PDB file of N, CA and C in Angstrom:
ATOM      1  N   MET A   1     -39.078  24.179  18.319  1.00  0.00           N
ATOM      2  CA  MET A   1     -38.246  24.696  19.154  1.00  0.00           C
ATOM      3  C   MET A   1     -37.000  24.040  18.984  1.00  0.00           C
ATOM      4  N   LYS A   2     -37.091  22.503  18.309  1.00  0.00           N
ATOM      5  CA  LYS A   2     -36.312  22.113  17.855  1.00  0.00           C
ATOM      6  C   LYS A   2     -35.592  22.230  16.796  1.00  0.00           C
ATOM      7  N   ALA A   3     -36.450  23.004  15.689  1.00  0.00           N
ATOM      8  CA  ALA A   3     -35.930  23.469  14.787  1.00  0.00           C
ATOM      9  C   ALA A   3     -35.281  24.778  14.775  1.00  0.00           C
ATOM     10  N   THR A   4     -35.589  25.605  15.912  1.00  0.00           N
ATOM     11  CA  THR A   4     -35.040  26.644  16.088  1.00  0.00           C
ATOM     12  C   THR A   4     -33.594  26.374  16.150  1.00  0.00           C
ATOM     13  N   ILE A   5     -33.514  25.578  16.836  1.00  0.00           N
ATOM     14  CA  ILE A   5     -32.399  24.942  18.055  1.00  0.00           C
ATOM     15  C   ILE A   5     -31.522  24.674  16.284  1.00  0.00           C
ATOM     16  N   THR A   6     -31.854  23.843  15.758  1.00  0.00           N
ATOM     17  CA  THR A   6     -30.866  23.321  14.538  1.00  0.00           C
ATOM     18  C   THR A   6     -30.635  24.644  13.654  1.00  0.00           C
ATOM     19  N   ALA A   7     -31.649  25.460  13.443  1.00  0.00           N
ATOM     20  CA  ALA A   7     -31.265  26.369  12.540  1.00  0.00           C
ATOM     21  C   ALA A   7     -29.992  27.512  13.140  1.00  0.00           C
ATOM     22  N   ILE A   8     -30.258  27.465  14.431  1.00  0.00           N
ATOM     23  CA  ILE A   8     -29.233  28.270  15.144  1.00  0.00           C
ATOM     24  C   ILE A   8     -27.697  27.772  15.329  1.00  0.00           C
ATOM     25  N   SER A   9     -28.006  26.268  14.857  1.00  0.00           N
ATOM     26  CA  SER A   9     -26.741  25.473  15.069  1.00  0.00           C
ATOM     27  C   SER A   9     -25.966  25.370  13.748  1.00  0.00           C
ATOM     28  N   ALA A  10     -26.965  25.415  12.650  1.00  0.00           N
ATOM     29  CA  ALA A  10     -26.648  26.129  11.771  1.00  0.00           C
ATOM     30  C   ALA A  10     -25.759  26.928  10.950  1.00  0.00           C
ATOM     31  N   ILE A  11     -26.540  27.933  11.734  1.00  0.00           N
ATOM     32  CA  ILE A  11     -25.907  29.337  11.479  1.00  0.00           C
ATOM     33  C   ILE A  11     -24.687  29.520  11.903  1.00  0.00           C
ATOM     34  N   ALA A  12     -24.209  28.875  13.345  1.00  0.00           N
ATOM     35  CA  ALA A  12     -23.185  29.190  14.115  1.00  0.00           C
ATOM     36  C   ALA A  12     -21.983  28.375  13.302  1.00  0.00           C
ATOM     37  N   ALA A  13     -22.601  27.017  12.943  1.00  0.00           N
ATOM     38  CA  ALA A  13     -21.967  26.070  11.912  1.00  0.00           C
ATOM     39  C   ALA A  13     -21.216  27.092  10.691  1.00  0.00           C
ATOM     40  N   ALA A  14     -22.131  27.972  10.094  1.00  0.00           N
ATOM     41  CA  ALA A  14     -21.562  28.623   8.803  1.00  0.00           C
ATOM     42  C   ALA A  14     -20.851  29.683   8.894  1.00  0.00           C
ATOM     43  N   LEU A  15     -21.034  30.409  10.646  1.00  0.00           N
ATOM     44  CA  LEU A  15     -20.293  31.383  10.350  1.00  0.00           C
ATOM     45  C   LEU A  15     -18.688  31.158  11.087  1.00  0.00           C
ATOM     46  N   VAL A  16     -18.765  29.966  11.830  1.00  0.00           N
ATOM     47  CA  VAL A  16     -17.489  29.474  12.109  1.00  0.00           C
ATOM     48  C   VAL A  16     -16.619  29.337  10.703  1.00  0.00           C
ATOM     49  N   SER A  17     -17.332  28.600   9.962  1.00  0.00           N
ATOM     50  CA  SER A  17     -16.476  28.264   8.639  1.00  0.00           C
ATOM     51  C   SER A  17     -16.186  29.143   7.770  1.00  0.00           C
ATOM     52  N   PHE A  18     -17.254  30.201   7.808  1.00  0.00           N
ATOM     53  CA  PHE A  18     -16.756  31.624   7.213  1.00  0.00           C
ATOM     54  C   PHE A  18     -15.575  31.944   8.121  1.00  0.00           C
ATOM     55  N   ALA A  19     -15.222  32.077   9.164  1.00  0.00           N
ATOM     56  CA  ALA A  19     -14.217  32.878   9.847  1.00  0.00           C
ATOM     57  C   ALA A  19     -13.137  32.145   9.359  1.00  0.00           C
ATOM     58  N   ALA A  20     -13.048  30.715   9.718  1.00  0.00           N
ATOM     59  CA  ALA A  20     -11.877  30.096   9.250  1.00  0.00           C
ATOM     60  C   ALA A  20     -11.199  30.053   7.793  1.00  0.00           C
ATOM     61  N   VAL A  21     -12.258  30.438   7.129  1.00  0.00           N
ATOM     62  CA  VAL A  21     -11.659  30.444   5.592  1.00  0.00           C
ATOM     63  C   VAL A  21     -11.325  32.168   5.337  1.00  0.00           C
ATOM     64  N   ALA A  22     -11.770  32.792   5.943  1.00  0.00           N
ATOM     65  CA  ALA A  22     -11.275  34.144   5.937  1.00  0.00           C
ATOM     66  C   ALA A  22     -10.219  34.348   6.628  1.00  0.00           C
ATOM     67  N   GLN A  23      -9.626  33.710   7.822  1.00  0.00           N
ATOM     68  CA  GLN A  23      -8.500  33.940   8.329  1.00  0.00           C
ATOM     69  C   GLN A  23      -7.671  32.870   7.666  1.00  0.00           C
ATOM     70  N   GLN A  24      -7.462  31.976   7.023  1.00  0.00           N
ATOM     71  CA  GLN A  24      -6.959  31.278   6.117  1.00  0.00           C
ATOM     72  C   GLN A  24      -6.393  32.405   5.242  1.00  0.00           C
ATOM     73  N   GLY A  25      -7.329  32.790   4.223  1.00  0.00           N
ATOM     74  CA  GLY A  25      -7.149  33.676   3.035  1.00  0.00           C
ATOM     75  C   GLY A  25      -5.862  34.803   3.408  1.00  0.00           C
ATOM     76  N   SER A  26      -5.951  35.071   5.280  1.00  0.00           N
ATOM     77  CA  SER A  26      -4.972  36.463   5.734  1.00  0.00           C
ATOM     78  C   SER A  26      -3.975  35.736   5.681  1.00  0.00           C
ATOM     79  N   ALA A  27      -3.593  34.372   6.356  1.00  0.00           N
ATOM     80  CA  ALA A  27      -2.468  33.840   6.404  1.00  0.00           C
ATOM     81  C   ALA A  27      -1.188  33.918   5.744  1.00  0.00           C
ATOM     82  N   PRO A  28      -1.596  33.264   4.613  1.00  0.00           N
ATOM     83  CA  PRO A  28      -0.583  33.623   3.695  1.00  0.00           C
ATOM     84  C   PRO A  28       0.221  35.012   3.403  1.00  0.00           C
ATOM     85  N   GLN A  29      -0.681  36.286   3.742  1.00  0.00           N
ATOM     86  CA  GLN A  29      -0.521  37.428   3.276  1.00  0.00           C
ATOM     87  C   GLN A  29       0.436  37.921   4.875  1.00  0.00           C
ATOM     88  N   GLU A  30      -0.103  37.196   5.640  1.00  0.00           N
ATOM     89  CA  GLU A  30       0.858  37.765   6.883  1.00  0.00           C
ATOM     90  C   GLU A  30       2.669  37.091   6.803  1.00  0.00           C
ATOM     91  N   GLN A  31       1.940  35.721   6.992  1.00  0.00           N
ATOM     92  CA  GLN A  31       3.293  35.182   6.513  1.00  0.00           C
ATOM     93  C   GLN A  31       4.360  36.321   5.586  1.00  0.00           C
ATOM     94  N   GLN A  32       3.999  36.178   4.552  1.00  0.00           N
ATOM     95  CA  GLN A  32       5.075  36.771   3.372  1.00  0.00           C
ATOM     96  C   GLN A  32       4.897  38.319   3.943  1.00  0.00           C
ATOM     97  N   ARG A  33       4.397  39.084   4.312  1.00  0.00           N
ATOM     98  CA  ARG A  33       4.585  40.289   5.158  1.00  0.00           C
ATOM     99  C   ARG A  33       5.484  40.113   5.882  1.00  0.00           C
ATOM    100  N   PHE A  34       5.701  38.981   6.983  1.00  0.00           N
ATOM    101  CA  PHE A  34       6.271  38.753   7.760  1.00  0.00           C
ATOM    102  C   PHE A  34       7.992  38.270   7.076  1.00  0.00           C
ATOM    103  N   GLU A  35       7.732  37.416   6.371  1.00  0.00           N
ATOM    104  CA  GLU A  35       9.046  37.031   5.541  1.00  0.00           C
ATOM    105  C   GLU A  35       9.728  38.264   4.985  1.00  0.00           C
ATOM    106  N   GLU A  36       9.150  38.951   4.656  1.00  0.00           N
ATOM    107  CA  GLU A  36       9.999  40.294   4.266  1.00  0.00           C
ATOM    108  C   GLU A  36      10.414  41.421   5.055  1.00  0.00           C
ATOM    109  N   VAL A  37       9.482  41.270   6.310  1.00  0.00           N
ATOM    110  CA  VAL A  37      10.283  41.619   7.425  1.00  0.00           C
ATOM    111  C   VAL A  37      11.647  41.494   7.746  1.00  0.00           C
ATOM    112  N   LYS A  38      11.248  39.608   7.926  1.00  0.00           N
ATOM    113  CA  LYS A  38      12.360  39.336   8.404  1.00  0.00           C
ATOM    114  C   LYS A  38      13.682  39.541   7.512  1.00  0.00           C
ATOM    115  N   GLN A  39      13.677  39.615   6.207  1.00  0.00           N
ATOM    116  CA  GLN A  39      14.634  39.788   5.384  1.00  0.00           C
ATOM    117  C   GLN A  39      15.143  41.260   5.471  1.00  0.00           C
ATOM    118  N   ARG A  40      14.483  42.062   5.546  1.00  0.00           N
ATOM    119  CA  ARG A  40      15.256  43.058   5.720  1.00  0.00           C
ATOM    120  C   ARG A  40      15.926  43.556   6.794  1.00  0.00           C
ATOM    121  N   VAL A  41      15.546  42.796   8.329  1.00  0.00           N
ATOM    122  CA  VAL A  41      16.064  42.839   9.819  1.00  0.00           C
ATOM    123  C   VAL A  41      17.597  42.077   9.039  1.00  0.00           C
ATOM    124  N   GLU A  42      17.378  40.805   8.683  1.00  0.00           N
ATOM    125  CA  GLU A  42      18.748  40.247   8.400  1.00  0.00           C
ATOM    126  C   GLU A  42      19.925  41.218   7.603  1.00  0.00           C
ATOM    127  N   SER A  43      19.333  41.878   6.549  1.00  0.00           N
ATOM    128  CA  SER A  43      19.979  42.594   5.727  1.00  0.00           C
ATOM    129  C   SER A  43      21.138  43.450   6.303  1.00  0.00           C
ATOM    130  N   ARG A  44      19.987  44.222   7.176  1.00  0.00           N
ATOM    131  CA  ARG A  44      20.392  45.636   7.810  1.00  0.00           C
ATOM    132  C   ARG A  44      20.995  45.163   8.887  1.00  0.00           C
ATOM    133  N   ILE A  45      21.741  43.841   9.640  1.00  0.00           N
ATOM    134  CA  ILE A  45      22.339  43.426  10.662  1.00  0.00           C
ATOM    135  C   ILE A  45      23.307  42.941   9.723  1.00  0.00           C
ATOM    136  N   GLN A  46      23.618  42.343   8.707  1.00  0.00           N
ATOM    137  CA  GLN A  46      24.355  41.943   8.022  1.00  0.00           C
ATOM    138  C   GLN A  46      25.240  43.047   7.800  1.00  0.00           C
ATOM    139  N   GLU A  47      24.847  44.234   7.223  1.00  0.00           N
ATOM    140  CA  GLU A  47      24.786  45.594   6.936  1.00  0.00           C
ATOM    141  C   GLU A  47      26.278  46.095   8.266  1.00  0.00           C
ATOM    142  N   ARG A  48      25.664  46.510   8.936  1.00  0.00           N
ATOM    143  CA  ARG A  48      25.795  46.615  10.536  1.00  0.00           C
ATOM    144  C   ARG A  48      27.162  45.861  10.755  1.00  0.00           C
ATOM    145  N   ILE A  49      26.940  44.821  10.839  1.00  0.00           N
ATOM    146  CA  ILE A  49      28.480  43.444  10.833  1.00  0.00           C
ATOM    147  C   ILE A  49      29.446  44.137   9.959  1.00  0.00           C
ATOM    148  N   ALA A  50      29.369  44.297   8.673  1.00  0.00           N
ATOM    149  CA  ALA A  50      30.279  44.899   7.877  1.00  0.00           C
ATOM    150  C   ALA A  50      30.845  45.961   8.087  1.00  0.00           C
ATOM    151  N   ASP A  51      30.231  46.600   8.436  1.00  0.00           N
ATOM    152  CA  ASP A  51      30.578  48.405   9.020  1.00  0.00           C
ATOM    153  C   ASP A  51      31.420  47.926  10.269  1.00  0.00           C
ATOM    154  N   LEU A  52      31.298  47.210  11.167  1.00  0.00           N
ATOM    155  CA  LEU A  52      31.913  47.142  12.423  1.00  0.00           C
ATOM    156  C   LEU A  52      33.141  46.024  11.730  1.00  0.00           C
ATOM    157  N   GLN A  53      32.853  44.961  11.447  1.00  0.00           N
ATOM    158  CA  GLN A  53      34.088  44.392  10.914  1.00  0.00           C
ATOM    159  C   GLN A  53      35.282  45.485  10.242  1.00  0.00           C
ATOM    160  N   SER A  54      34.594  46.335   9.470  1.00  0.00           N
ATOM    161  CA  SER A  54      35.757  47.769   8.848  1.00  0.00           C
ATOM    162  C   SER A  54      36.542  48.335  10.075  1.00  0.00           C
ATOM    163  N   ARG A  55      35.340  48.923  10.954  1.00  0.00           N
ATOM    164  CA  ARG A  55      35.792  49.847  11.573  1.00  0.00           C
ATOM    165  C   ARG A  55      37.091  49.031  12.442  1.00  0.00           C
ATOM    166  N   LEU A  56      36.524  47.748  13.000  1.00  0.00           N
ATOM    167  CA  LEU A  56      37.670  46.837  13.810  1.00  0.00           C
ATOM    168  C   LEU A  56      39.058  46.654  13.183  1.00  0.00           C
ATOM    169  N   SER A  57      38.893  46.731  11.636  1.00  0.00           N
ATOM    170  CA  SER A  57      40.040  46.672  10.935  1.00  0.00           C
ATOM    171  C   SER A  57      40.767  47.914  11.027  1.00  0.00           C
ATOM    172  N   CYS A  58      40.386  48.875  10.843  1.00  0.00           N
ATOM    173  CA  CYS A  58      40.878  50.139  10.662  1.00  0.00           C
ATOM    174  C   CYS A  58      41.269  50.642  12.257  1.00  0.00           C
ATOM    175  N   VAL A  59      40.807  50.352  13.543  1.00  0.00           N
ATOM    176  CA  VAL A  59      41.129  50.423  14.614  1.00  0.00           C
ATOM    177  C   VAL A  59      42.793  49.843  14.578  1.00  0.00           C
ATOM    178  N   GLN A  60      42.307  48.686  14.420  1.00  0.00           N
ATOM    179  CA  GLN A  60      43.774  47.651  14.861  1.00  0.00           C
ATOM    180  C   GLN A  60      44.786  48.056  13.968  1.00  0.00           C
ATOM    181  N   ASN A  61      44.640  48.534  12.578  1.00  0.00           N
ATOM    182  CA  ASN A  61      45.548  49.248  11.993  1.00  0.00           C
ATOM    183  C   ASN A  61      45.965  50.794  12.483  1.00  0.00           C
ATOM    184  N   SER A  62      45.240  51.371  13.281  1.00  0.00           N
ATOM    185  CA  SER A  62      46.019  52.706  13.463  1.00  0.00           C
ATOM    186  C   SER A  62      46.815  52.872  14.301  1.00  0.00           C
ATOM    187  N   GLN A  63      47.943  53.707  13.681  1.00  0.00           N
ATOM    188  CA  GLN A  63      49.062  53.851  14.906  1.00  0.00           C
ATOM    189  C   GLN A  63      49.130  54.848  15.372  1.00  0.00           C
ATOM    190  N   ASP A  64      48.323  56.136  15.437  1.00  0.00           N
ATOM    191  CA  ASP A  64      48.129  57.097  16.372  1.00  0.00           C
ATOM    192  C   ASP A  64      46.840  57.527  16.655  1.00  0.00           C
ATOM    193  N   PRO A  65      46.653  58.504  17.209  1.00  0.00           N
ATOM    194  CA  PRO A  65      45.290  59.337  17.974  1.00  0.00           C
ATOM    195  C   PRO A  65      44.612  59.676  16.476  1.00  0.00           C
ATOM    196  N   GLU A  66      45.390  60.369  15.601  1.00  0.00           N
ATOM    197  CA  GLU A  66      44.780  61.130  14.245  1.00  0.00           C
ATOM    198  C   GLU A  66      43.930  59.781  13.260  1.00  0.00           C
ATOM    199  N   ALA A  67      44.689  58.455  12.940  1.00  0.00           N
ATOM    200  CA  ALA A  67      44.165  57.483  12.778  1.00  0.00           C
ATOM    201  C   ALA A  67      43.168  56.703  13.239  1.00  0.00           C
ATOM    202  N   LEU A  68      42.917  57.057  14.619  1.00  0.00           N
ATOM    203  CA  LEU A  68      42.058  56.078  14.967  1.00  0.00           C
ATOM    204  C   LEU A  68      40.913  56.906  14.861  1.00  0.00           C
ATOM    205  N   ARG A  69      40.595  58.610  14.949  1.00  0.00           N
ATOM    206  CA  ARG A  69      39.557  58.883  14.728  1.00  0.00           C
ATOM    207  C   ARG A  69      39.398  58.917  13.468  1.00  0.00           C
ATOM    208  N   ALA A  70      39.873  58.937  12.588  1.00  0.00           N
ATOM    209  CA  ALA A  70      39.627  58.396  10.940  1.00  0.00           C
ATOM    210  C   ALA A  70      38.659  57.598  10.714  1.00  0.00           C
ATOM    211  N   CYS A  71      38.915  56.498  12.047  1.00  0.00           N
ATOM    212  CA  CYS A  71      38.146  55.279  11.897  1.00  0.00           C
ATOM    213  C   CYS A  71      36.641  55.317  11.723  1.00  0.00           C
ATOM    214  N   PHE A  72      36.047  56.662  12.828  1.00  0.00           N
ATOM    215  CA  PHE A  72      34.911  57.044  13.159  1.00  0.00           C
ATOM    216  C   PHE A  72      34.539  58.381  12.146  1.00  0.00           C
ATOM    217  N   PRO A  73      34.199  58.530  11.171  1.00  0.00           N
ATOM    218  CA  PRO A  73      33.870  59.495  10.848  1.00  0.00           C
ATOM    219  C   PRO A  73      32.609  60.352  11.364  1.00  0.00           C
ATOM    220  N   GLN A  74      32.536  61.422  11.293  1.00  0.00           N
ATOM    221  CA  GLN A  74      31.389  62.589  11.542  1.00  0.00           C
ATOM    222  C   GLN A  74      30.378  62.094  11.431  1.00  0.00           C
ATOM    223  N   ARG A  75      28.963  62.446  12.236  1.00  0.00           N
ATOM    224  CA  ARG A  75      27.534  62.158  11.280  1.00  0.00           C
ATOM    225  C   ARG A  75      27.749  63.857  10.724  1.00  0.00           C
ATOM    226  N   ALA A  76      27.080  63.474   9.615  1.00  0.00           N
ATOM    227  CA  ALA A  76      26.526  65.295   9.280  1.00  0.00           C
ATOM    228  C   ALA A  76      25.612  66.204  10.237  1.00  0.00           C
ATOM    229  N   GLY A  77      26.009  67.045  10.544  1.00  0.00           N
ATOM    230  CA  GLY A  77      25.522  68.044  11.361  1.00  0.00           C
ATOM    231  C   GLY A  77      25.465  67.592  12.376  1.00  0.00           C
ATOM    232  N   SER A  78      25.889  66.983  13.129  1.00  0.00           N
ATOM    233  CA  SER A  78      25.895  66.799  14.413  1.00  0.00           C
ATOM    234  C   SER A  78      27.362  66.991  15.189  1.00  0.00           C
ATOM    235  N   GLY A  79      28.245  67.539  14.358  1.00  0.00           N
ATOM    236  CA  GLY A  79      29.575  67.360  15.082  1.00  0.00           C
ATOM    237  C   GLY A  79      30.250  66.404  15.859  1.00  0.00           C
ATOM    238  N   GLU A  80      29.728  65.364  16.019  1.00  0.00           N
ATOM    239  CA  GLU A  80      30.141  64.662  17.235  1.00  0.00           C
ATOM    240  C   GLU A  80      30.956  63.138  16.280  1.00  0.00           C
ATOM    241  N   GLY A  81      32.274  62.226  16.758  1.00  0.00           N
ATOM    242  CA  GLY A  81      32.175  60.933  15.978  1.00  0.00           C
ATOM    243  C   GLY A  81      31.318  60.226  16.179  1.00  0.00           C
ATOM    244  N   ARG A  82      31.276  59.238  15.268  1.00  0.00           N
ATOM    245  CA  ARG A  82      30.529  57.802  15.852  1.00  0.00           C
ATOM    246  C   ARG A  82      31.314  56.891  16.573  1.00  0.00           C
ATOM    247  N   GLY A  83      32.486  57.060  16.898  1.00  0.00           N
ATOM    248  CA  GLY A  83      33.023  56.263  17.814  1.00  0.00           C
ATOM    249  C   GLY A  83      32.724  56.455  19.431  1.00  0.00           C
ATOM    250  N   GLY A  84      32.333  57.121  19.944  1.00  0.00           N
ATOM    251  CA  GLY A  84      32.367  57.399  21.252  1.00  0.00           C
ATOM    252  C   GLY A  84      32.812  58.469  21.708  1.00  0.00           C
ATOM    253  N   ARG A  85      33.648  58.482  22.808  1.00  0.00           N
ATOM    254  CA  ARG A  85      34.377  59.311  23.931  1.00  0.00           C
ATOM    255  C   ARG A  85      35.514  59.722  23.426  1.00  0.00           C
ATOM    256  N   TYR A  86      36.448  59.055  22.439  1.00  0.00           N
ATOM    257  CA  TYR A  86      37.735  59.056  22.076  1.00  0.00           C
ATOM    258  C   TYR A  86      38.076  60.156  21.365  1.00  0.00           C
ATOM    259  N   GLN A  87      38.924  61.367  21.911  1.00  0.00           N
ATOM    260  CA  GLN A  87      39.288  62.544  21.294  1.00  0.00           C
ATOM    261  C   GLN A  87      41.133  62.437  21.041  1.00  0.00           C
ATOM    262  N   GLY A  88      41.428  61.511  21.495  1.00  0.00           N
ATOM    263  CA  GLY A  88      42.923  61.251  21.308  1.00  0.00           C
ATOM    264  C   GLY A  88      43.452  61.899  22.807  1.00  0.00           C
ATOM    265  N   GLY A  89      42.577  62.173  24.041  1.00  0.00           N
ATOM    266  CA  GLY A  89      43.187  62.886  25.215  1.00  0.00           C
ATOM    267  C   GLY A  89      42.825  61.693  26.525  1.00  0.00           C
ATOM    268  N   PRO A  90      43.083  62.180  27.630  1.00  0.00           N
ATOM    269  CA  PRO A  90      42.561  61.120  28.587  1.00  0.00           C
ATOM    270  C   PRO A  90      41.114  61.329  28.536  1.00  0.00           C
ATOM    271  N   LYS A  91      40.710  60.036  29.214  1.00  0.00           N
ATOM    272  CA  LYS A  91      39.344  60.105  29.888  1.00  0.00           C
ATOM    273  C   LYS A  91      38.613  60.901  30.918  1.00  0.00           C
ATOM    274  N   PRO A  92      37.767  61.523  30.371  1.00  0.00           N
ATOM    275  CA  PRO A  92      36.842  62.315  31.579  1.00  0.00           C
ATOM    276  C   PRO A  92      37.002  61.775  32.843  1.00  0.00           C
ATOM    277  N   GLN A  93      36.740  62.220  33.876  1.00  0.00           N
ATOM    278  CA  GLN A  93      36.926  61.546  35.487  1.00  0.00           C
ATOM    279  C   GLN A  93      35.480  61.594  35.552  1.00  0.00           C
TER     280      GLN A  93
END
């Protein structure tokens, strides 16, 4: 009986050690994947910030409704400007 408990304990210890080694092997890969995703997200945010700063400058420098509309080029195929509702007229009620 004592030998069986010792054997089961040894097997359990081996399984725990194996699981720990397997988990450590995947951790660097998960960390690398996280860093890659994080870098892509940061890059996309920087692109959006640059686009917004460019649009802000355009809006600040616009002198008339046509110049303001030019700050928000149309999306391909949608027929809608990217700037929201502004069409040079009064706001809808």
